[in-house]
Amino acid sequence: MNIPVNEMSVLEKLDAIALIWDSLSVDPDSIPVPDWQRDELAARAQRLDAGEAKVSDWDEAEKRFDQIGK
């Protein structure tokens, strides 16, 4: 497959990404997940279950992100 990515506008590239993502999300079980990611997710879940992890809603997280670099 030869897609002229260098000739595409940013909007065309974003549209292509959306199309690809939509096609992948139809069958998420077909997407390979490396063992290290599974291990990290299990460790995070364990920290949550043990009450050792702090969680935030999106608004709180967005405020913290905005503070980075200020």
Foldseek 3Di string as FASTA:
>chain_A
DDDPVVPDDPVVVVVVVVVVVVVCVVCVVVDDDDPVVVVVVVVVVVCVVVVNDDDDDPVVVVVVVVPPPD
